[in-house]
Amino acid sequence: MIELIRIGVIMILTCQASYFILLILLYGTMMHWYEWGTYPKPSNTFEKTVNFLTALVFGVAYWAGLKVKKKKWFLRPVYLTGYLFVYIILAVIAFKLINSVLIYFERNVSFF
């Protein structure tokens, strides 16, 4: 069970990083793809769930894409690369913290 949680966290963090790379390479297409895949004003539980899951998997990279939207086209990849490096550092720290909590539960709590 703990290993599945660990794999899930790794998958989410990796999807965010890969979306960053795609934003660097194909900015306009990937921004439009994210906007097409979400509902602007969700009105029911299904739409809210779709928006939540999309934001969970790709949201940080999309947020960074919105931050650099008004920059010149040749500076966007530079800014996004900077955001990517910061994200990688924070993702490694977050994973280490989550992993240490999971290791604690694995060793000290009997129901896992």
PDB file of N, CA and C in Angstrom:
ATOM      1  N   MET A   1       0.818  -1.187   0.000  1.00  0.00           N
ATOM      2  CA  MET A   1       0.000   0.000   0.000  1.00  0.00           C
ATOM      3  C   MET A   1       0.865   1.256   0.000  1.00  0.00           C
ATOM      4  N   ILE A   2       1.884   1.254   0.838  1.00  0.00           N
ATOM      5  CA  ILE A   2       2.786   2.401   0.911  1.00  0.00           C
ATOM      6  C   ILE A   2       3.496   2.600  -0.423  1.00  0.00           C
ATOM      7  N   GLU A   3       3.881   1.499  -1.042  1.00  0.00           N
ATOM      8  CA  GLU A   3       4.591   1.593  -2.320  1.00  0.00           C
ATOM      9  C   GLU A   3       3.697   2.185  -3.407  1.00  0.00           C
ATOM     10  N   LEU A   4       2.414   1.861  -3.385  1.00  0.00           N
ATOM     11  CA  LEU A   4       1.479   2.438  -4.359  1.00  0.00           C
ATOM     12  C   LEU A   4       1.334   3.941  -4.170  1.00  0.00           C
ATOM     13  N   ILE A   5       1.287   4.394  -2.937  1.00  0.00           N
ATOM     14  CA  ILE A   5       1.224   5.831  -2.668  1.00  0.00           C
ATOM     15  C   ILE A   5       2.491   6.504  -3.165  1.00  0.00           C
ATOM     16  N   ARG A   6       3.629   5.873  -2.901  1.00  0.00           N
ATOM     17  CA  ARG A   6       4.915   6.414  -3.351  1.00  0.00           C
ATOM     18  C   ARG A   6       4.968   6.506  -4.879  1.00  0.00           C
ATOM     19  N   ILE A   7       4.507   5.469  -5.556  1.00  0.00           N
ATOM     20  CA  ILE A   7       4.499   5.478  -7.025  1.00  0.00           C
ATOM     21  C   ILE A   7       3.536   6.546  -7.549  1.00  0.00           C
ATOM     22  N   GLY A   8       2.387   6.706  -6.905  1.00  0.00           N
ATOM     23  CA  GLY A   8       1.438   7.739  -7.310  1.00  0.00           C
ATOM     24  C   GLY A   8       2.010   9.136  -7.190  1.00  0.00           C
ATOM     25  N   VAL A   9       2.719   9.405  -6.092  1.00  0.00           N
ATOM     26  CA  VAL A   9       3.341  10.718  -5.909  1.00  0.00           C
ATOM     27  C   VAL A   9       4.411  10.949  -6.977  1.00  0.00           C
ATOM     28  N   ILE A  10       5.209   9.936  -7.250  1.00  0.00           N
ATOM     29  CA  ILE A  10       6.237  10.064  -8.285  1.00  0.00           C
ATOM     30  C   ILE A  10       5.606  10.324  -9.647  1.00  0.00           C
ATOM     31  N   MET A  11       4.516   9.637  -9.939  1.00  0.00           N
ATOM     32  CA  MET A  11       3.860   9.828 -11.235  1.00  0.00           C
ATOM     33  C   MET A  11       3.316  11.251 -11.384  1.00  0.00           C
ATOM     34  N   ILE A  12       2.697  11.780 -10.339  1.00  0.00           N
ATOM     35  CA  ILE A  12       2.166  13.142 -10.410  1.00  0.00           C
ATOM     36  C   ILE A  12       3.284  14.149 -10.595  1.00  0.00           C
ATOM     37  N   LEU A  13       4.360  14.009  -9.832  1.00  0.00           N
ATOM     38  CA  LEU A  13       5.481  14.942  -9.951  1.00  0.00           C
ATOM     39  C   LEU A  13       6.154  14.842 -11.320  1.00  0.00           C
ATOM     40  N   THR A  14       6.253  13.642 -11.856  1.00  0.00           N
ATOM     41  CA  THR A  14       6.857  13.456 -13.173  1.00  0.00           C
ATOM     42  C   THR A  14       5.979  14.011 -14.282  1.00  0.00           C
ATOM     43  N   CYS A  15       4.670  13.849 -14.170  1.00  0.00           N
ATOM     44  CA  CYS A  15       3.763  14.416 -15.180  1.00  0.00           C
ATOM     45  C   CYS A  15       3.871  15.931 -15.213  1.00  0.00           C
ATOM     46  N   GLN A  16       3.989  16.555 -14.052  1.00  0.00           N
ATOM     47  CA  GLN A  16       4.156  18.006 -14.018  1.00  0.00           C
ATOM     48  C   GLN A  16       5.442  18.418 -14.743  1.00  0.00           C
ATOM     49  N   ALA A  17       6.532  17.715 -14.471  1.00  0.00           N
ATOM     50  CA  ALA A  17       7.808  18.044 -15.100  1.00  0.00           C
ATOM     51  C   ALA A  17       7.759  17.821 -16.606  1.00  0.00           C
ATOM     52  N   SER A  18       7.112  16.753 -17.039  1.00  0.00           N
ATOM     53  CA  SER A  18       7.022  16.509 -18.481  1.00  0.00           C
ATOM     54  C   SER A  18       6.141  17.557 -19.155  1.00  0.00           C
ATOM     55  N   TYR A  19       5.116  18.023 -18.475  1.00  0.00           N
ATOM     56  CA  TYR A  19       4.291  19.085 -19.053  1.00  0.00           C
ATOM     57  C   TYR A  19       5.074  20.389 -19.146  1.00  0.00           C
ATOM     58  N   PHE A  20       5.967  20.637 -18.181  1.00  0.00           N
ATOM     59  CA  PHE A  20       6.863  21.788 -18.283  1.00  0.00           C
ATOM     60  C   PHE A  20       7.707  21.700 -19.551  1.00  0.00           C
ATOM     61  N   ILE A  21       8.275  20.531 -19.808  1.00  0.00           N
ATOM     62  CA  ILE A  21       9.118  20.359 -21.000  1.00  0.00           C
ATOM     63  C   ILE A  21       8.301  20.580 -22.268  1.00  0.00           C
ATOM     64  N   LEU A  22       7.081  20.050 -22.289  1.00  0.00           N
ATOM     65  CA  LEU A  22       6.225  20.273 -23.453  1.00  0.00           C
ATOM     66  C   LEU A  22       5.854  21.739 -23.608  1.00  0.00           C
ATOM     67  N   LEU A  23       5.661  22.449 -22.504  1.00  0.00           N
ATOM     68  CA  LEU A  23       5.385  23.877 -22.592  1.00  0.00           C
ATOM     69  C   LEU A  23       6.575  24.631 -23.174  1.00  0.00           C
ATOM     70  N   ILE A  24       7.773  24.219 -22.804  1.00  0.00           N
ATOM     71  CA  ILE A  24       8.964  24.873 -23.354  1.00  0.00           C
ATOM     72  C   ILE A  24       9.030  24.663 -24.861  1.00  0.00           C
ATOM     73  N   LEU A  25       8.695  23.460 -25.315  1.00  0.00           N
ATOM     74  CA  LEU A  25       8.799  23.142 -26.738  1.00  0.00           C
ATOM     75  C   LEU A  25       7.593  23.612 -27.554  1.00  0.00           C
ATOM     76  N   LEU A  26       6.391  23.436 -27.036  1.00  0.00           N
ATOM     77  CA  LEU A  26       5.150  23.707 -27.777  1.00  0.00           C
ATOM     78  C   LEU A  26       4.202  24.555 -26.937  1.00  0.00           C
ATOM     79  N   TYR A  27       4.584  25.791 -26.641  1.00  0.00           N
ATOM     80  CA  TYR A  27       3.855  26.602 -25.674  1.00  0.00           C
ATOM     81  C   TYR A  27       2.380  26.780 -26.034  1.00  0.00           C
ATOM     82  N   GLY A  28       2.108  27.303 -27.212  1.00  0.00           N
ATOM     83  CA  GLY A  28       0.730  27.619 -27.589  1.00  0.00           C
ATOM     84  C   GLY A  28      -0.177  26.401 -27.625  1.00  0.00           C
ATOM     85  N   THR A  29       0.308  25.334 -28.208  1.00  0.00           N
ATOM     86  CA  THR A  29      -0.488  24.118 -28.322  1.00  0.00           C
ATOM     87  C   THR A  29      -0.824  23.537 -26.952  1.00  0.00           C
ATOM     88  N   MET A  30       0.146  23.483 -26.059  1.00  0.00           N
ATOM     89  CA  MET A  30      -0.089  22.886 -24.753  1.00  0.00           C
ATOM     90  C   MET A  30      -0.968  23.758 -23.862  1.00  0.00           C
ATOM     91  N   MET A  31      -0.866  25.070 -23.994  1.00  0.00           N
ATOM     92  CA  MET A  31      -1.755  25.948 -23.228  1.00  0.00           C
ATOM     93  C   MET A  31      -3.197  25.773 -23.701  1.00  0.00           C
ATOM     94  N   HIS A  32      -3.389  25.721 -25.013  1.00  0.00           N
ATOM     95  CA  HIS A  32      -4.742  25.512 -25.540  1.00  0.00           C
ATOM     96  C   HIS A  32      -5.265  24.126 -25.165  1.00  0.00           C
ATOM     97  N   TRP A  33      -4.396  23.125 -25.174  1.00  0.00           N
ATOM     98  CA  TRP A  33      -4.823  21.775 -24.817  1.00  0.00           C
ATOM     99  C   TRP A  33      -5.332  21.723 -23.383  1.00  0.00           C
ATOM    100  N   TYR A  34      -4.610  22.391 -22.469  1.00  0.00           N
ATOM    101  CA  TYR A  34      -5.053  22.407 -21.071  1.00  0.00           C
ATOM    102  C   TYR A  34      -6.407  23.112 -20.957  1.00  0.00           C
ATOM    103  N   GLU A  35      -6.554  24.223 -21.640  1.00  0.00           N
ATOM    104  CA  GLU A  35      -7.817  24.973 -21.571  1.00  0.00           C
ATOM    105  C   GLU A  35      -8.961  24.196 -22.212  1.00  0.00           C
ATOM    106  N   TRP A  36      -8.711  23.440 -23.268  1.00  0.00           N
ATOM    107  CA  TRP A  36      -9.750  22.616 -23.883  1.00  0.00           C
ATOM    108  C   TRP A  36     -10.149  21.468 -22.969  1.00  0.00           C
ATOM    109  N   GLY A  37      -9.236  20.997 -22.157  1.00  0.00           N
ATOM    110  CA  GLY A  37      -9.489  19.841 -21.312  1.00  0.00           C
ATOM    111  C   GLY A  37     -10.149  20.156 -19.984  1.00  0.00           C
ATOM    112  N   THR A  38     -10.359  21.442 -19.694  1.00  0.00           N
ATOM    113  CA  THR A  38     -10.993  21.816 -18.431  1.00  0.00           C
ATOM    114  C   THR A  38     -12.249  22.621 -18.709  1.00  0.00           C
ATOM    115  N   TYR A  39     -13.077  22.730 -17.697  1.00  0.00           N
ATOM    116  CA  TYR A  39     -14.315  23.499 -17.802  1.00  0.00           C
ATOM    117  C   TYR A  39     -14.095  24.873 -17.174  1.00  0.00           C
ATOM    118  N   PRO A  40     -14.443  25.955 -17.885  1.00  0.00           N
ATOM    119  CA  PRO A  40     -14.184  27.293 -17.342  1.00  0.00           C
ATOM    120  C   PRO A  40     -14.959  27.589 -16.059  1.00  0.00           C
ATOM    121  N   LYS A  41     -16.241  27.227 -16.031  1.00  0.00           N
ATOM    122  CA  LYS A  41     -17.056  27.430 -14.838  1.00  0.00           C
ATOM    123  C   LYS A  41     -17.792  26.126 -14.547  1.00  0.00           C
ATOM    124  N   PRO A  42     -17.160  25.231 -13.783  1.00  0.00           N
ATOM    125  CA  PRO A  42     -17.795  23.930 -13.541  1.00  0.00           C
ATOM    126  C   PRO A  42     -19.086  24.080 -12.737  1.00  0.00           C
ATOM    127  N   SER A  43     -20.118  23.367 -13.175  1.00  0.00           N
ATOM    128  CA  SER A  43     -21.418  23.501 -12.524  1.00  0.00           C
ATOM    129  C   SER A  43     -21.838  22.240 -11.770  1.00  0.00           C
ATOM    130  N   ASN A  44     -21.217  21.109 -12.049  1.00  0.00           N
ATOM    131  CA  ASN A  44     -21.607  19.890 -11.338  1.00  0.00           C
ATOM    132  C   ASN A  44     -20.362  19.150 -10.846  1.00  0.00           C
ATOM    133  N   THR A  45     -20.574  18.067 -10.162  1.00  0.00           N
ATOM    134  CA  THR A  45     -19.473  17.322  -9.543  1.00  0.00           C
ATOM    135  C   THR A  45     -18.532  16.721 -10.577  1.00  0.00           C
ATOM    136  N   PHE A  46     -19.070  16.242 -11.689  1.00  0.00           N
ATOM    137  CA  PHE A  46     -18.226  15.658 -12.726  1.00  0.00           C
ATOM    138  C   PHE A  46     -17.245  16.695 -13.274  1.00  0.00           C
ATOM    139  N   GLU A  47     -17.735  17.882 -13.611  1.00  0.00           N
ATOM    140  CA  GLU A  47     -16.874  18.921 -14.164  1.00  0.00           C
ATOM    141  C   GLU A  47     -15.830  19.370 -13.140  1.00  0.00           C
ATOM    142  N   LYS A  48     -16.232  19.466 -11.883  1.00  0.00           N
ATOM    143  CA  LYS A  48     -15.284  19.857 -10.846  1.00  0.00           C
ATOM    144  C   LYS A  48     -14.211  18.786 -10.645  1.00  0.00           C
ATOM    145  N   THR A  49     -14.608  17.524 -10.752  1.00  0.00           N
ATOM    146  CA  THR A  49     -13.647  16.427 -10.618  1.00  0.00           C
ATOM    147  C   THR A  49     -12.646  16.440 -11.771  1.00  0.00           C
ATOM    148  N   VAL A  50     -13.136  16.674 -12.981  1.00  0.00           N
ATOM    149  CA  VAL A  50     -12.246  16.748 -14.145  1.00  0.00           C
ATOM    150  C   VAL A  50     -11.248  17.887 -13.971  1.00  0.00           C
ATOM    151  N   ASN A  51     -11.730  19.052 -13.542  1.00  0.00           N
ATOM    152  CA  ASN A  51     -10.829  20.182 -13.330  1.00  0.00           C
ATOM    153  C   ASN A  51      -9.804  19.895 -12.239  1.00  0.00           C
ATOM    154  N   PHE A  52     -10.245  19.250 -11.155  1.00  0.00           N
ATOM    155  CA  PHE A  52      -9.323  18.936 -10.060  1.00  0.00           C
ATOM    156  C   PHE A  52      -8.240  17.971 -10.508  1.00  0.00           C
ATOM    157  N   LEU A  53      -8.625  16.915 -11.195  1.00  0.00           N
ATOM    158  CA  LEU A  53      -7.636  15.924 -11.625  1.00  0.00           C
ATOM    159  C   LEU A  53      -6.679  16.498 -12.667  1.00  0.00           C
ATOM    160  N   THR A  54      -7.181  17.321 -13.566  1.00  0.00           N
ATOM    161  CA  THR A  54      -6.311  17.955 -14.559  1.00  0.00           C
ATOM    162  C   THR A  54      -5.338  18.907 -13.885  1.00  0.00           C
ATOM    163  N   ALA A  55      -5.818  19.678 -12.918  1.00  0.00           N
ATOM    164  CA  ALA A  55      -4.929  20.583 -12.198  1.00  0.00           C
ATOM    165  C   ALA A  55      -3.922  19.815 -11.350  1.00  0.00           C
ATOM    166  N   LEU A  56      -4.328  18.684 -10.797  1.00  0.00           N
ATOM    167  CA  LEU A  56      -3.426  17.866  -9.993  1.00  0.00           C
ATOM    168  C   LEU A  56      -2.266  17.339 -10.833  1.00  0.00           C
ATOM    169  N   VAL A  57      -2.557  16.958 -12.059  1.00  0.00           N
ATOM    170  CA  VAL A  57      -1.535  16.346 -12.902  1.00  0.00           C
ATOM    171  C   VAL A  57      -0.733  17.386 -13.686  1.00  0.00           C
ATOM    172  N   PHE A  58      -1.372  18.473 -14.158  1.00  0.00           N
ATOM    173  CA  PHE A  58      -0.684  19.439 -15.023  1.00  0.00           C
ATOM    174  C   PHE A  58      -0.724  20.878 -14.519  1.00  0.00           C
ATOM    175  N   GLY A  59      -1.305  21.134 -13.367  1.00  0.00           N
ATOM    176  CA  GLY A  59      -1.624  22.487 -12.938  1.00  0.00           C
ATOM    177  C   GLY A  59      -0.457  23.416 -12.692  1.00  0.00           C
ATOM    178  N   VAL A  60       0.627  22.932 -12.106  1.00  0.00           N
ATOM    179  CA  VAL A  60       1.758  23.808 -11.797  1.00  0.00           C
ATOM    180  C   VAL A  60       2.396  24.317 -13.090  1.00  0.00           C
ATOM    181  N   ALA A  61       2.544  23.457 -14.056  1.00  0.00           N
ATOM    182  CA  ALA A  61       3.133  23.869 -15.330  1.00  0.00           C
ATOM    183  C   ALA A  61       2.219  24.859 -16.048  1.00  0.00           C
ATOM    184  N   TYR A  62       0.910  24.633 -16.003  1.00  0.00           N
ATOM    185  CA  TYR A  62      -0.024  25.572 -16.624  1.00  0.00           C
ATOM    186  C   TYR A  62       0.038  26.921 -15.926  1.00  0.00           C
ATOM    187  N   TRP A  63       0.138  26.921 -14.611  1.00  0.00           N
ATOM    188  CA  TRP A  63       0.259  28.166 -13.858  1.00  0.00           C
ATOM    189  C   TRP A  63       1.509  28.931 -14.297  1.00  0.00           C
ATOM    190  N   ALA A  64       2.626  28.220 -14.453  1.00  0.00           N
ATOM    191  CA  ALA A  64       3.861  28.858 -14.914  1.00  0.00           C
ATOM    192  C   ALA A  64       3.687  29.397 -16.329  1.00  0.00           C
ATOM    193  N   GLY A  65       2.947  28.647 -17.165  1.00  0.00           N
ATOM    194  CA  GLY A  65       2.672  29.125 -18.517  1.00  0.00           C
ATOM    195  C   GLY A  65       1.853  30.403 -18.515  1.00  0.00           C
ATOM    196  N   LEU A  66       0.925  30.526 -17.589  1.00  0.00           N
ATOM    197  CA  LEU A  66       0.149  31.765 -17.475  1.00  0.00           C
ATOM    198  C   LEU A  66       1.023  32.925 -17.018  1.00  0.00           C
ATOM    199  N   LYS A  67       1.999  32.641 -16.165  1.00  0.00           N
ATOM    200  CA  LYS A  67       2.893  33.696 -15.673  1.00  0.00           C
ATOM    201  C   LYS A  67       3.763  34.280 -16.786  1.00  0.00           C
ATOM    202  N   VAL A  68       4.132  33.473 -17.762  1.00  0.00           N
ATOM    203  CA  VAL A  68       5.017  33.949 -18.833  1.00  0.00           C
ATOM    204  C   VAL A  68       4.253  34.288 -20.110  1.00  0.00           C
ATOM    205  N   LYS A  69       2.946  34.301 -20.041  1.00  0.00           N
ATOM    206  CA  LYS A  69       2.123  34.514 -21.236  1.00  0.00           C
ATOM    207  C   LYS A  69       2.393  35.860 -21.909  1.00  0.00           C
ATOM    208  N   LYS A  70       2.657  36.892 -21.136  1.00  0.00           N
ATOM    209  CA  LYS A  70       2.849  38.225 -21.697  1.00  0.00           C
ATOM    210  C   LYS A  70       4.299  38.539 -22.034  1.00  0.00           C
ATOM    211  N   LYS A  71       5.176  37.589 -21.829  1.00  0.00           N
ATOM    212  CA  LYS A  71       6.585  37.782 -22.185  1.00  0.00           C
ATOM    213  C   LYS A  71       6.759  37.596 -23.690  1.00  0.00           C
ATOM    214  N   LYS A  72       7.857  38.080 -24.213  1.00  0.00           N
ATOM    215  CA  LYS A  72       8.143  37.901 -25.635  1.00  0.00           C
ATOM    216  C   LYS A  72       8.350  36.419 -25.934  1.00  0.00           C
ATOM    217  N   TRP A  73       8.033  36.024 -27.172  1.00  0.00           N
ATOM    218  CA  TRP A  73       8.029  34.609 -27.539  1.00  0.00           C
ATOM    219  C   TRP A  73       9.390  33.949 -27.366  1.00  0.00           C
ATOM    220  N   PHE A  74      10.482  34.709 -27.541  1.00  0.00           N
ATOM    221  CA  PHE A  74      11.802  34.095 -27.414  1.00  0.00           C
ATOM    222  C   PHE A  74      12.290  34.049 -25.969  1.00  0.00           C
ATOM    223  N   LEU A  75      11.631  34.778 -25.054  1.00  0.00           N
ATOM    224  CA  LEU A  75      11.999  34.717 -23.642  1.00  0.00           C
ATOM    225  C   LEU A  75      11.179  33.688 -22.862  1.00  0.00           C
ATOM    226  N   ARG A  76      10.036  33.280 -23.409  1.00  0.00           N
ATOM    227  CA  ARG A  76       9.188  32.303 -22.715  1.00  0.00           C
ATOM    228  C   ARG A  76       9.924  31.014 -22.376  1.00  0.00           C
ATOM    229  N   PRO A  77      10.642  30.400 -23.329  1.00  0.00           N
ATOM    230  CA  PRO A  77      11.355  29.157 -22.976  1.00  0.00           C
ATOM    231  C   PRO A  77      12.402  29.360 -21.880  1.00  0.00           C
ATOM    232  N   VAL A  78      13.017  30.532 -21.845  1.00  0.00           N
ATOM    233  CA  VAL A  78      14.026  30.803 -20.816  1.00  0.00           C
ATOM    234  C   VAL A  78      13.364  30.861 -19.442  1.00  0.00           C
ATOM    235  N   TYR A  79      12.269  31.612 -19.356  1.00  0.00           N
ATOM    236  CA  TYR A  79      11.546  31.701 -18.082  1.00  0.00           C
ATOM    237  C   TYR A  79      10.985  30.341 -17.664  1.00  0.00           C
ATOM    238  N   LEU A  80      10.423  29.613 -18.612  1.00  0.00           N
ATOM    239  CA  LEU A  80       9.869  28.302 -18.285  1.00  0.00           C
ATOM    240  C   LEU A  80      10.951  27.314 -17.849  1.00  0.00           C
ATOM    241  N   THR A  81      12.125  27.424 -18.423  1.00  0.00           N
ATOM    242  CA  THR A  81      13.239  26.578 -17.988  1.00  0.00           C
ATOM    243  C   THR A  81      13.631  26.905 -16.551  1.00  0.00           C
ATOM    244  N   GLY A  82      13.625  28.192 -16.211  1.00  0.00           N
ATOM    245  CA  GLY A  82      13.885  28.584 -14.824  1.00  0.00           C
ATOM    246  C   GLY A  82      12.838  28.036 -13.880  1.00  0.00           C
ATOM    247  N   TYR A  83      11.555  28.159 -14.279  1.00  0.00           N
ATOM    248  CA  TYR A  83      10.478  27.575 -13.473  1.00  0.00           C
ATOM    249  C   TYR A  83      10.649  26.059 -13.350  1.00  0.00           C
ATOM    250  N   LEU A  84      11.082  25.409 -14.424  1.00  0.00           N
ATOM    251  CA  LEU A  84      11.279  23.965 -14.392  1.00  0.00           C
ATOM    252  C   LEU A  84      12.360  23.577 -13.383  1.00  0.00           C
ATOM    253  N   PHE A  85      13.479  24.301 -13.374  1.00  0.00           N
ATOM    254  CA  PHE A  85      14.538  23.985 -12.416  1.00  0.00           C
ATOM    255  C   PHE A  85      14.074  24.196 -10.977  1.00  0.00           C
ATOM    256  N   VAL A  86      13.351  25.276 -10.731  1.00  0.00           N
ATOM    257  CA  VAL A  86      12.813  25.517  -9.388  1.00  0.00           C
ATOM    258  C   VAL A  86      11.823  24.416  -9.029  1.00  0.00           C
ATOM    259  N   TYR A  87      10.976  24.024  -9.989  1.00  0.00           N
ATOM    260  CA  TYR A  87      10.008  22.970  -9.728  1.00  0.00           C
ATOM    261  C   TYR A  87      10.701  21.650  -9.397  1.00  0.00           C
ATOM    262  N   ILE A  88      11.753  21.315 -10.132  1.00  0.00           N
ATOM    263  CA  ILE A  88      12.459  20.060  -9.879  1.00  0.00           C
ATOM    264  C   ILE A  88      13.032  20.049  -8.469  1.00  0.00           C
ATOM    265  N   ILE A  89      13.624  21.144  -8.045  1.00  0.00           N
ATOM    266  CA  ILE A  89      14.180  21.224  -6.695  1.00  0.00           C
ATOM    267  C   ILE A  89      13.080  21.063  -5.650  1.00  0.00           C
ATOM    268  N   LEU A  90      11.964  21.780  -5.832  1.00  0.00           N
ATOM    269  CA  LEU A  90      10.859  21.682  -4.877  1.00  0.00           C
ATOM    270  C   LEU A  90      10.194  20.314  -4.912  1.00  0.00           C
ATOM    271  N   ALA A  91      10.116  19.705  -6.094  1.00  0.00           N
ATOM    272  CA  ALA A  91       9.511  18.378  -6.197  1.00  0.00           C
ATOM    273  C   ALA A  91      10.357  17.326  -5.487  1.00  0.00           C
ATOM    274  N   VAL A  92      11.665  17.426  -5.595  1.00  0.00           N
ATOM    275  CA  VAL A  92      12.538  16.479  -4.906  1.00  0.00           C
ATOM    276  C   VAL A  92      12.398  16.649  -3.387  1.00  0.00           C
ATOM    277  N   ILE A  93      12.358  17.898  -2.926  1.00  0.00           N
ATOM    278  CA  ILE A  93      12.183  18.147  -1.494  1.00  0.00           C
ATOM    279  C   ILE A  93      10.834  17.618  -1.023  1.00  0.00           C
ATOM    280  N   ALA A  94       9.775  17.892  -1.793  1.00  0.00           N
ATOM    281  CA  ALA A  94       8.437  17.413  -1.414  1.00  0.00           C
ATOM    282  C   ALA A  94       8.398  15.891  -1.385  1.00  0.00           C
ATOM    283  N   PHE A  95       9.009  15.249  -2.381  1.00  0.00           N
ATOM    284  CA  PHE A  95       9.017  13.789  -2.389  1.00  0.00           C
ATOM    285  C   PHE A  95       9.781  13.222  -1.207  1.00  0.00           C
ATOM    286  N   LYS A  96      10.905  13.821  -0.877  1.00  0.00           N
ATOM    287  CA  LYS A  96      11.680  13.337   0.270  1.00  0.00           C
ATOM    288  C   LYS A  96      10.869  13.468   1.564  1.00  0.00           C
ATOM    289  N   LEU A  97      10.142  14.577   1.719  1.00  0.00           N
ATOM    290  CA  LEU A  97       9.319  14.752   2.915  1.00  0.00           C
ATOM    291  C   LEU A  97       8.180  13.737   2.961  1.00  0.00           C
ATOM    292  N   ILE A  98       7.484  13.584   1.852  1.00  0.00           N
ATOM    293  CA  ILE A  98       6.376  12.625   1.800  1.00  0.00           C
ATOM    294  C   ILE A  98       6.907  11.204   2.006  1.00  0.00           C
ATOM    295  N   ASN A  99       8.035  10.900   1.406  1.00  0.00           N
ATOM    296  CA  ASN A  99       8.624   9.570   1.548  1.00  0.00           C
ATOM    297  C   ASN A  99       9.035   9.300   2.995  1.00  0.00           C
ATOM    298  N   SER A 100       9.564  10.300   3.684  1.00  0.00           N
ATOM    299  CA  SER A 100       9.945  10.084   5.080  1.00  0.00           C
ATOM    300  C   SER A 100       8.722   9.844   5.956  1.00  0.00           C
ATOM    301  N   VAL A 101       7.612  10.528   5.669  1.00  0.00           N
ATOM    302  CA  VAL A 101       6.369  10.265   6.402  1.00  0.00           C
ATOM    303  C   VAL A 101       5.871   8.853   6.104  1.00  0.00           C
ATOM    304  N   LEU A 102       5.940   8.444   4.845  1.00  0.00           N
ATOM    305  CA  LEU A 102       5.516   7.090   4.484  1.00  0.00           C
ATOM    306  C   LEU A 102       6.398   6.021   5.125  1.00  0.00           C
ATOM    307  N   ILE A 103       7.683   6.274   5.197  1.00  0.00           N
ATOM    308  CA  ILE A 103       8.585   5.333   5.859  1.00  0.00           C
ATOM    309  C   ILE A 103       8.258   5.239   7.347  1.00  0.00           C
ATOM    310  N   TYR A 104       7.956   6.375   7.965  1.00  0.00           N
ATOM    311  CA  TYR A 104       7.561   6.361   9.372  1.00  0.00           C
ATOM    312  C   TYR A 104       6.317   5.498   9.579  1.00  0.00           C
ATOM    313  N   PHE A 105       5.284   5.704   8.732  1.00  0.00           N
ATOM    314  CA  PHE A 105       4.072   4.908   8.841  1.00  0.00           C
ATOM    315  C   PHE A 105       4.356   3.438   8.598  1.00  0.00           C
ATOM    316  N   GLU A 106       5.220   3.163   7.658  1.00  0.00           N
ATOM    317  CA  GLU A 106       5.541   1.772   7.320  1.00  0.00           C
ATOM    318  C   GLU A 106       6.202   1.037   8.487  1.00  0.00           C
ATOM    319  N   ARG A 107       7.044   1.756   9.222  1.00  0.00           N
ATOM    320  CA  ARG A 107       7.782   1.120  10.308  1.00  0.00           C
ATOM    321  C   ARG A 107       7.001   1.100  11.626  1.00  0.00           C
ATOM    322  N   ASN A 108       6.166   2.115  11.865  1.00  0.00           N
ATOM    323  CA  ASN A 108       5.581   2.271  13.192  1.00  0.00           C
ATOM    324  C   ASN A 108       4.079   2.008  13.291  1.00  0.00           C
ATOM    325  N   VAL A 109       3.389   2.006  12.166  1.00  0.00           N
ATOM    326  CA  VAL A 109       1.953   1.798  12.215  1.00  0.00           C
ATOM    327  C   VAL A 109       1.663   0.432  11.610  1.00  0.00           C
ATOM    328  N   SER A 110       0.896  -0.362  12.316  1.00  0.00           N
ATOM    329  CA  SER A 110       0.736  -1.763  11.923  1.00  0.00           C
ATOM    330  C   SER A 110      -0.308  -1.983  10.826  1.00  0.00           C
ATOM    331  N   PHE A 111      -1.236  -1.051  10.590  1.00  0.00           N
ATOM    332  CA  PHE A 111      -2.274  -1.317   9.606  1.00  0.00           C
ATOM    333  C   PHE A 111      -1.837  -1.080   8.176  1.00  0.00           C
ATOM    334  N   PHE A 112      -0.630  -0.604   7.940  1.00  0.00           N
ATOM    335  CA  PHE A 112      -0.120  -0.498   6.579  1.00  0.00           C
ATOM    336  C   PHE A 112       0.654  -1.747   6.315  1.00  0.00           C
TER     337      PHE A 112
END
